[in-house]
Amino acid sequence: SPPTSTGWQGLTITGSGTSHTQGAIVLKSSTTDTPEARGQGVFMFNEGDDVTWYMGTRYQDADEWQLGRKTGTSIDTEAAETGNALIKVNSAGNTTFAGDIALADSKAIKLGSGGTFQLWHQSGTNGNSFIDEQSTGELYIRSNSTVRLAHYANNTASANFNPAGAVELYYNTAKKFETTNTGITVTGALATTG
């Protein structure tokens, strides 16, 4: 039943059928011989800002589910086109996002069986960011080109790791240490203890 709060205007649909579809809304095309019939979905039109939202299979491609948005002066079925999709999921389970993925502080992107590899940001004004490998496996950072560690604001280098080449360490933009094919090169004084 719909809520009893003031201003409620809506539609309640009570489903029926087998145990697998009871309580569900089932969308099914009436024919199978036209491309237009191969996608089904729900269109939601907001007259206040002339925007159509769509959720369902892509127009003429039932192997792709999408959430789309289209502006217009009336309900616009072109929202079902892939060019208007904000989220797309294909039949292999691969998901494509048109924009960023935003997570709240201390919430992680978890990868792998059991989610043992995690990327997350700590809560708080000066919260830290973490790359965590929680299993016993090693953590590889791989590139066909140079791997750089640099300051975010001005891109000032702290270290460069060149594939099959030099490792370079910097202090305030000045290179102080470099590995070579014969050993190391140190710029400036070398202080040792012990």
Protein backbone atom coordinates (compact mmCIF):
# COMPACT_ATOMS: atom_id res chain seq x y z
CA SER A 1 0.00 0.00 0.00
CA PRO A 2 1.19 3.57 -0.68
CA PRO A 3 2.24 5.79 2.22
CA THR A 4 -0.48 7.90 3.87
CA SER A 5 1.64 11.06 4.05
CA THR A 6 0.23 14.28 2.64
CA GLY A 7 0.97 14.88 -1.02
CA TRP A 8 1.47 11.24 -2.02
CA GLN A 9 0.60 10.73 -5.66
CA GLY A 10 1.69 7.48 -7.16
CA LEU A 11 0.83 4.06 -8.46
CA THR A 12 1.05 0.79 -6.56
CA ILE A 13 1.29 -2.42 -8.57
CA THR A 14 0.81 -5.73 -6.82
CA GLY A 15 2.29 -8.61 -8.78
CA SER A 16 1.09 -12.16 -9.07
CA GLY A 17 2.25 -15.34 -10.73
CA THR A 18 4.70 -18.08 -9.92
CA SER A 19 7.00 -18.03 -6.92
CA HIS A 20 9.76 -16.61 -9.13
CA THR A 21 7.81 -13.57 -10.37
CA GLN A 22 5.37 -12.93 -7.54
CA GLY A 23 5.51 -9.29 -6.57
CA ALA A 24 7.52 -8.40 -9.68
CA ILE A 25 6.79 -6.21 -12.68
CA VAL A 26 7.53 -8.24 -15.81
CA LEU A 27 8.27 -6.36 -19.07
CA LYS A 28 7.96 -8.46 -22.19
CA SER A 29 7.85 -7.51 -25.86
CA SER A 30 4.80 -8.59 -27.84
CA THR A 31 6.74 -9.75 -30.88
CA THR A 32 10.13 -11.18 -31.71
CA ASP A 33 10.47 -10.33 -35.38
CA THR A 34 11.48 -6.66 -35.21
CA PRO A 35 14.66 -5.10 -33.79
CA GLU A 36 12.56 -2.50 -31.97
CA ALA A 37 11.05 -5.26 -29.85
CA ARG A 38 14.35 -6.56 -28.52
CA GLY A 39 14.64 -4.07 -25.67
CA GLN A 40 12.31 -3.37 -22.76
CA GLY A 41 12.54 -0.91 -19.94
CA VAL A 42 10.94 1.76 -17.79
CA PHE A 43 10.83 5.42 -18.87
CA MET A 44 10.39 8.08 -16.20
CA PHE A 45 9.70 11.64 -17.38
CA ASN A 46 10.03 14.68 -15.12
CA GLU A 47 8.04 17.57 -16.58
CA GLY A 48 9.73 20.04 -14.23
CA ASP A 49 13.06 19.86 -16.06
CA ASP A 50 12.03 17.97 -19.21
CA VAL A 51 14.29 15.00 -18.47
CA THR A 52 13.62 11.37 -19.31
CA TRP A 53 15.32 8.67 -17.24
CA TYR A 54 15.44 5.14 -18.61
CA MET A 55 16.25 1.80 -17.02
CA GLY A 56 16.26 -1.40 -19.00
CA THR A 57 17.81 -3.09 -22.00
CA ARG A 58 19.33 -0.89 -24.69
CA TYR A 59 17.24 -0.13 -27.76
CA GLN A 60 17.77 -2.89 -30.36
CA ASP A 61 20.22 -4.71 -28.11
CA ALA A 62 18.77 -6.87 -25.34
CA ASP A 63 22.28 -8.07 -24.43
CA GLU A 64 23.04 -4.73 -22.75
CA TRP A 65 21.28 -3.29 -19.70
CA GLN A 66 21.60 0.41 -19.05
CA LEU A 67 20.56 3.38 -16.98
CA GLY A 68 20.23 6.42 -19.21
CA ARG A 69 19.17 10.07 -19.18
CA LYS A 70 17.92 12.29 -22.01
CA THR A 71 16.73 15.91 -21.96
CA GLY A 72 13.81 16.96 -24.12
CA THR A 73 10.39 18.58 -24.20
CA SER A 74 8.50 15.33 -23.69
CA ILE A 75 9.17 11.71 -22.83
CA ASP A 76 12.06 10.76 -25.08
CA THR A 77 12.53 7.11 -25.97
CA GLU A 78 16.00 7.93 -27.28
CA ALA A 79 17.08 7.68 -23.64
CA ALA A 80 17.38 3.98 -24.42
CA GLU A 81 20.23 4.71 -26.84
CA THR A 82 23.73 3.82 -25.69
CA GLY A 83 24.93 7.40 -26.23
CA ASN A 84 22.73 8.55 -23.35
CA ALA A 85 23.69 5.75 -20.98
CA LEU A 86 25.22 6.60 -17.61
CA ILE A 87 25.72 2.95 -16.63
CA LYS A 88 25.98 0.01 -19.02
CA VAL A 89 26.19 -3.68 -18.15
CA ASN A 90 26.74 -6.20 -20.94
CA SER A 91 25.89 -9.91 -21.01
CA ALA A 92 29.40 -10.80 -19.79
CA GLY A 93 28.89 -8.74 -16.63
CA ASN A 94 31.29 -5.95 -17.66
CA THR A 95 30.13 -2.54 -16.39
CA THR A 96 30.89 0.84 -17.94
CA PHE A 97 30.32 4.15 -16.11
CA ALA A 98 30.00 7.45 -17.95
CA GLY A 99 31.20 9.40 -14.91
CA ASP A 100 33.21 9.04 -11.73
CA ILE A 101 32.71 6.44 -9.01
CA ALA A 102 32.43 8.28 -5.68
CA LEU A 103 32.73 6.46 -2.36
CA ALA A 104 32.28 7.90 1.11
CA ASP A 105 35.28 8.16 3.42
CA SER A 106 36.48 4.86 4.86
CA LYS A 107 34.55 2.90 2.22
CA ALA A 108 36.72 0.72 -0.01
CA ILE A 109 36.87 -0.61 -3.53
CA LYS A 110 37.48 -4.30 -2.85
CA LEU A 111 38.98 -6.62 -5.45
CA GLY A 112 39.72 -10.32 -5.53
CA SER A 113 38.27 -13.26 -3.69
CA GLY A 114 37.31 -12.04 -0.24
CA GLY A 115 38.10 -8.44 -1.18
CA THR A 116 41.66 -8.64 0.11
CA PHE A 117 42.95 -5.91 -2.22
CA GLN A 118 41.46 -2.55 -1.27
CA LEU A 119 41.62 1.11 -2.27
CA TRP A 120 40.15 3.53 0.23
CA HIS A 121 40.33 6.98 1.81
CA GLN A 122 40.37 7.59 5.54
CA SER A 123 37.72 9.83 7.06
CA GLY A 124 38.64 13.18 8.58
CA THR A 125 39.87 16.55 7.35
CA ASN A 126 43.40 15.25 6.75
CA GLY A 127 42.45 11.66 6.06
CA ASN A 128 45.08 9.42 4.49
CA SER A 129 44.63 7.29 1.38
CA PHE A 130 45.51 3.59 1.33
CA ILE A 131 46.40 0.84 -1.14
CA ASP A 132 46.09 -2.37 0.85
CA GLU A 133 47.14 -5.89 -0.18
CA GLN A 134 45.84 -7.93 2.74
CA SER A 135 46.65 -11.43 1.52
CA THR A 136 50.07 -13.13 1.44
CA GLY A 137 50.54 -12.28 -2.24
CA GLU A 138 52.97 -9.62 -3.42
CA LEU A 139 51.84 -6.21 -4.67
CA TYR A 140 53.05 -5.41 -8.19
CA ILE A 141 53.03 -1.93 -9.73
CA ARG A 142 53.78 -2.49 -13.42
CA SER A 143 54.23 -0.17 -16.37
CA ASN A 144 55.73 -0.27 -19.88
CA SER A 145 57.10 3.19 -19.18
CA THR A 146 58.49 5.12 -16.20
CA VAL A 147 56.74 4.83 -12.83
CA ARG A 148 56.83 8.23 -11.11
CA LEU A 149 56.19 9.30 -7.53
CA ALA A 150 55.43 13.02 -7.52
CA HIS A 151 53.81 15.81 -5.53
CA TYR A 152 50.16 16.26 -6.49
CA ALA A 153 49.98 20.07 -6.56
CA ASN A 154 52.99 20.85 -8.77
CA ASN A 155 54.03 17.42 -10.10
CA THR A 156 57.47 17.74 -8.48
CA ALA A 157 59.24 14.38 -8.75
CA SER A 158 60.28 12.41 -5.68
CA ALA A 159 61.33 9.25 -7.50
CA ASN A 160 61.42 7.81 -11.00
CA PHE A 161 61.62 4.08 -11.73
CA ASN A 162 62.60 3.40 -15.34
CA PRO A 163 61.93 -0.08 -16.79
CA ALA A 164 65.19 -2.06 -16.91
CA GLY A 165 66.97 1.25 -16.27
CA ALA A 166 67.79 3.87 -13.71
CA VAL A 167 66.11 4.49 -10.38
CA GLU A 168 66.25 8.22 -9.63
CA LEU A 169 65.66 9.88 -6.26
CA TYR A 170 65.07 13.63 -5.90
CA TYR A 171 65.24 16.28 -3.19
CA ASN A 172 63.27 19.46 -3.91
CA THR A 173 63.44 18.94 -7.72
CA ALA A 174 67.19 18.15 -7.65
CA LYS A 175 68.25 14.60 -8.51
CA LYS A 176 70.51 13.30 -5.75
CA PHE A 177 70.72 9.56 -6.39
CA GLU A 178 70.68 7.42 -9.53
CA THR A 179 71.42 3.79 -10.27
CA THR A 180 73.50 3.03 -13.38
CA ASN A 181 74.70 -0.05 -15.24
CA THR A 182 77.95 0.15 -13.28
CA GLY A 183 76.67 1.16 -9.84
CA ILE A 184 75.26 4.40 -8.47
CA THR A 185 75.75 8.12 -8.94
CA VAL A 186 75.36 10.44 -5.95
CA THR A 187 75.14 14.21 -6.37
CA GLY A 188 76.28 16.16 -3.32
CA ALA A 189 77.75 14.96 -0.05
CA LEU A 190 77.28 11.38 1.06
CA ALA A 191 76.88 10.97 4.81
CA THR A 192 77.06 7.56 6.41
CA THR A 193 76.69 6.42 10.02
CA GLY A 194 77.56 3.23 11.84
